[in-house]
Amino acid sequence: MFNSEKSILRKKLLNMRTHFNPLDINLLSKQICAKLDTLDVFIKSKHIALYASMDKEVHLDGLMNESSISSKQFYLPVVQQDWSLKFYPYKRNDTLTINHCGVYEPIPQSPAVALEQIDIIVLPMLGFCKSGLRLGMGKACYDRTLRLRNHPILIGVSFSAMEIDTFKQEPHDVLMDVIITEKNVYNISGKCG
């Protein structure tokens, strides 16, 4: 029953997102990155996992600015055979490849970083509730990776138009600590100030 509810929501939100203007996406993404860039937890973090945006997701290019490049190590996820994720070092302009899901990911040049070494993970969200629930694309890669471990601080980013009043939480769903849109910062867990 939960999966069908999420499938319906996912279809609706994907349809909404097809109507987003690329110029608006760029503008809203910059506003979201500016909010994230000024979060105390982001400023203090040295090891940050991002994602390579695809289609009409929030673009995170604004986070890899000159000041952060010298003081932070960034990572991008690589999808494994079991749909879990491993995070590999990434520098701006590194070559990315498209995986079997159609998602950009780095070509591993060095070992994956241990999850315990990452300070924060910034996750894409197709939809979200202010309670911290995240609706992704349906593969549960992040949930599968994070649910059994003492994970880093999780920051979900999405456009405010993608907010959902509520949907049922499944046992494997991992809650966000913070959700950032172009309009608001929701500090759900209280871990970020």
Protein backbone atom coordinates (compact mmCIF):
# COMPACT_ATOMS: atom_id res chain seq x y z
CA MET A 1 0.00 0.00 0.00
CA PHE A 2 2.80 2.45 0.88
CA ASN A 3 4.63 1.83 -2.39
CA SER A 4 1.54 2.61 -4.45
CA GLU A 5 1.00 5.88 -2.54
CA LYS A 6 4.61 6.86 -3.15
CA SER A 7 4.38 5.83 -6.81
CA ILE A 8 1.36 8.07 -7.32
CA LEU A 9 3.09 10.98 -5.55
CA ARG A 10 6.28 10.39 -7.50
CA LYS A 11 4.42 10.42 -10.83
CA LYS A 12 2.59 13.63 -9.89
CA LEU A 13 5.78 15.42 -8.78
CA LEU A 14 7.77 14.28 -11.81
CA ASN A 15 4.99 15.64 -14.01
CA MET A 16 5.08 18.96 -12.12
CA ARG A 17 8.83 19.12 -12.48
CA THR A 18 8.69 18.74 -16.27
CA HIS A 19 7.06 22.19 -16.39
CA PHE A 20 9.87 23.89 -14.46
CA ASN A 21 11.78 26.47 -16.48
CA PRO A 22 15.58 25.85 -16.62
CA LEU A 23 16.25 29.51 -15.80
CA ASP A 24 14.02 29.28 -12.73
CA ILE A 25 15.77 26.07 -11.67
CA ASN A 26 19.14 27.82 -11.87
CA LEU A 27 17.90 30.81 -9.89
CA LEU A 28 16.18 28.71 -7.21
CA SER A 29 19.21 26.40 -6.99
CA LYS A 30 21.47 29.40 -6.32
CA GLN A 31 19.13 30.52 -3.53
CA ILE A 32 19.16 27.04 -1.99
CA CYS A 33 22.96 26.82 -2.22
CA ALA A 34 23.30 30.26 -0.60
CA LYS A 35 21.19 29.06 2.36
CA LEU A 36 23.20 25.86 2.66
CA ASP A 37 26.52 27.69 2.31
CA THR A 38 25.71 29.85 5.34
CA LEU A 39 24.59 26.98 7.62
CA ASP A 40 26.96 26.70 10.56
CA VAL A 41 27.21 22.92 10.09
CA PHE A 42 28.18 23.36 6.43
CA ILE A 43 30.78 26.02 7.23
CA LYS A 44 32.39 23.80 9.90
CA SER A 45 32.26 20.56 7.88
CA LYS A 46 35.37 19.39 6.08
CA HIS A 47 34.03 16.23 4.38
CA ILE A 48 30.84 16.76 2.41
CA ALA A 49 29.01 14.35 0.12
CA LEU A 50 27.00 15.99 -2.65
CA TYR A 51 25.31 14.56 -5.75
CA ALA A 52 25.63 15.33 -9.46
CA SER A 53 22.30 16.88 -10.37
CA MET A 54 20.30 15.45 -13.20
CA ASP A 55 17.28 16.63 -15.11
CA LYS A 56 15.46 19.20 -12.99
CA GLU A 57 16.95 18.57 -9.55
CA VAL A 58 18.50 21.30 -7.41
CA HIS A 59 21.90 22.12 -8.94
CA LEU A 60 24.70 22.18 -6.37
CA ASP A 61 27.41 23.84 -8.46
CA GLY A 62 27.23 26.93 -6.25
CA LEU A 63 28.57 24.99 -3.27
CA MET A 64 31.93 24.30 -4.84
CA ASN A 65 33.11 27.92 -4.74
CA GLU A 66 36.71 29.04 -4.41
CA SER A 67 36.70 29.33 -0.62
CA SER A 68 35.15 25.90 -0.05
CA ILE A 69 37.34 24.12 -2.59
CA SER A 70 40.47 24.89 -0.57
CA SER A 71 38.96 24.01 2.81
CA LYS A 72 36.69 21.04 2.08
CA GLN A 73 36.82 17.61 0.52
CA PHE A 74 33.76 16.77 -1.58
CA TYR A 75 32.45 13.32 -2.47
CA LEU A 76 29.91 11.97 -4.93
CA PRO A 77 27.98 8.70 -4.65
CA VAL A 78 28.51 5.67 -6.88
CA VAL A 79 25.65 3.16 -7.06
CA GLN A 80 26.70 -0.41 -6.22
CA GLN A 81 25.23 -3.67 -7.55
CA ASP A 82 22.99 -4.01 -4.46
CA TRP A 83 21.70 -0.42 -4.96
CA SER A 84 23.64 0.88 -1.97
CA LEU A 85 26.02 3.82 -2.35
CA LYS A 86 29.73 4.33 -1.84
CA PHE A 87 31.17 7.84 -1.80
CA TYR A 88 34.29 8.78 -3.75
CA PRO A 89 36.40 11.96 -3.71
CA TYR A 90 35.37 14.56 -6.27
CA LYS A 91 36.91 17.82 -7.40
CA ARG A 92 35.21 20.38 -9.58
CA ASN A 93 35.62 19.48 -13.27
CA ASP A 94 36.47 15.81 -12.60
CA THR A 95 35.14 13.59 -15.37
CA LEU A 96 31.81 11.95 -14.60
CA THR A 97 30.27 8.93 -16.24
CA ILE A 98 26.61 7.90 -16.57
CA ASN A 99 25.74 4.76 -14.61
CA HIS A 100 23.12 2.09 -15.35
CA CYS A 101 20.42 4.31 -13.73
CA GLY A 102 21.22 7.27 -15.96
CA VAL A 103 22.85 9.15 -13.06
CA TYR A 104 26.20 10.93 -13.28
CA GLU A 105 28.86 9.59 -10.94
CA PRO A 106 32.65 9.85 -10.57
CA ILE A 107 35.04 7.31 -12.00
CA PRO A 108 36.67 5.92 -8.84
CA GLN A 109 40.36 6.84 -8.83
CA SER A 110 40.92 6.08 -5.15
CA PRO A 111 39.20 4.03 -2.44
CA ALA A 112 35.74 5.04 -1.25
CA VAL A 113 35.61 7.07 1.92
CA ALA A 114 34.19 5.43 5.02
CA LEU A 115 30.72 6.76 5.79
CA GLU A 116 31.91 7.64 9.31
CA GLN A 117 34.41 10.13 7.84
CA ILE A 118 31.73 12.19 6.10
CA ASP A 119 30.38 15.14 8.10
CA ILE A 120 27.25 15.84 6.05
CA ILE A 121 25.47 14.34 3.06
CA VAL A 122 23.39 16.58 0.81
CA LEU A 123 20.60 14.55 -0.79
CA PRO A 124 18.29 15.31 -3.71
CA MET A 125 14.60 15.15 -2.93
CA LEU A 126 11.85 14.78 -5.47
CA GLY A 127 9.36 15.62 -2.72
CA PHE A 128 9.40 16.13 1.04
CA CYS A 129 7.37 16.72 4.18
CA LYS A 130 8.41 19.28 6.80
CA SER A 131 8.59 16.35 9.24
CA GLY A 132 11.82 15.22 7.53
CA LEU A 133 10.41 12.57 5.20
CA ARG A 134 12.08 12.48 1.81
CA LEU A 135 10.58 11.14 -1.41
CA GLY A 136 13.30 10.07 -3.82
CA MET A 137 13.19 8.41 -7.20
CA GLY A 138 12.19 5.02 -5.79
CA LYS A 139 15.40 2.96 -5.76
CA ALA A 140 16.02 3.57 -2.01
CA CYS A 141 19.78 3.88 -2.59
CA TYR A 142 20.28 6.44 0.18
CA ASP A 143 17.90 4.64 2.56
CA ARG A 144 19.68 1.33 1.94
CA THR A 145 23.06 2.94 2.61
CA LEU A 146 22.15 4.97 5.67
CA ARG A 147 19.54 3.04 7.63
CA LEU A 148 21.81 0.59 9.44
CA ARG A 149 24.59 2.97 10.37
CA ASN A 150 25.25 5.93 12.58
CA HIS A 151 25.11 8.22 9.57
CA PRO A 152 26.36 11.77 8.99
CA ILE A 153 24.04 14.78 9.18
CA LEU A 154 21.56 14.53 6.30
CA ILE A 155 20.52 17.66 4.46
CA GLY A 156 17.78 17.29 1.86
CA VAL A 157 17.38 19.95 -0.84
CA SER A 158 14.32 20.56 -2.98
CA PHE A 159 12.16 23.29 -4.44
CA SER A 160 9.36 24.58 -2.20
CA ALA A 161 6.77 23.63 -4.84
CA MET A 162 7.63 19.96 -4.18
CA GLU A 163 6.45 20.01 -0.57
CA ILE A 164 3.87 17.33 0.29
CA ASP A 165 1.53 17.67 3.27
CA THR A 166 2.15 14.10 4.37
CA PHE A 167 2.79 10.58 3.20
CA LYS A 168 3.26 7.33 5.05
CA GLN A 169 6.73 6.57 6.37
CA GLU A 170 8.00 3.10 5.55
CA PRO A 171 10.31 1.23 7.96
CA HIS A 172 13.36 1.75 5.72
CA ASP A 173 12.83 5.52 5.26
CA VAL A 174 15.65 7.61 6.72
CA LEU A 175 14.61 11.06 7.97
CA MET A 176 16.46 14.24 7.03
CA ASP A 177 18.08 16.32 9.75
CA VAL A 178 17.59 19.50 7.73
CA ILE A 179 15.53 20.35 4.65
CA ILE A 180 16.38 23.40 2.57
CA THR A 181 14.25 25.03 -0.11
CA GLU A 182 14.63 28.44 -1.75
CA LYS A 183 12.17 29.76 0.86
CA ASN A 184 12.95 27.93 4.12
CA VAL A 185 15.42 25.99 6.21
CA TYR A 186 13.73 23.31 8.33
CA ASN A 187 15.98 22.14 11.18
CA ILE A 188 14.16 18.92 11.96
CA SER A 189 16.53 17.01 14.23
CA GLY A 190 17.99 20.00 16.04
CA LYS A 191 21.53 18.83 15.16
CA CYS A 192 22.26 21.95 13.15
CA GLY A 193 21.70 24.74 15.63
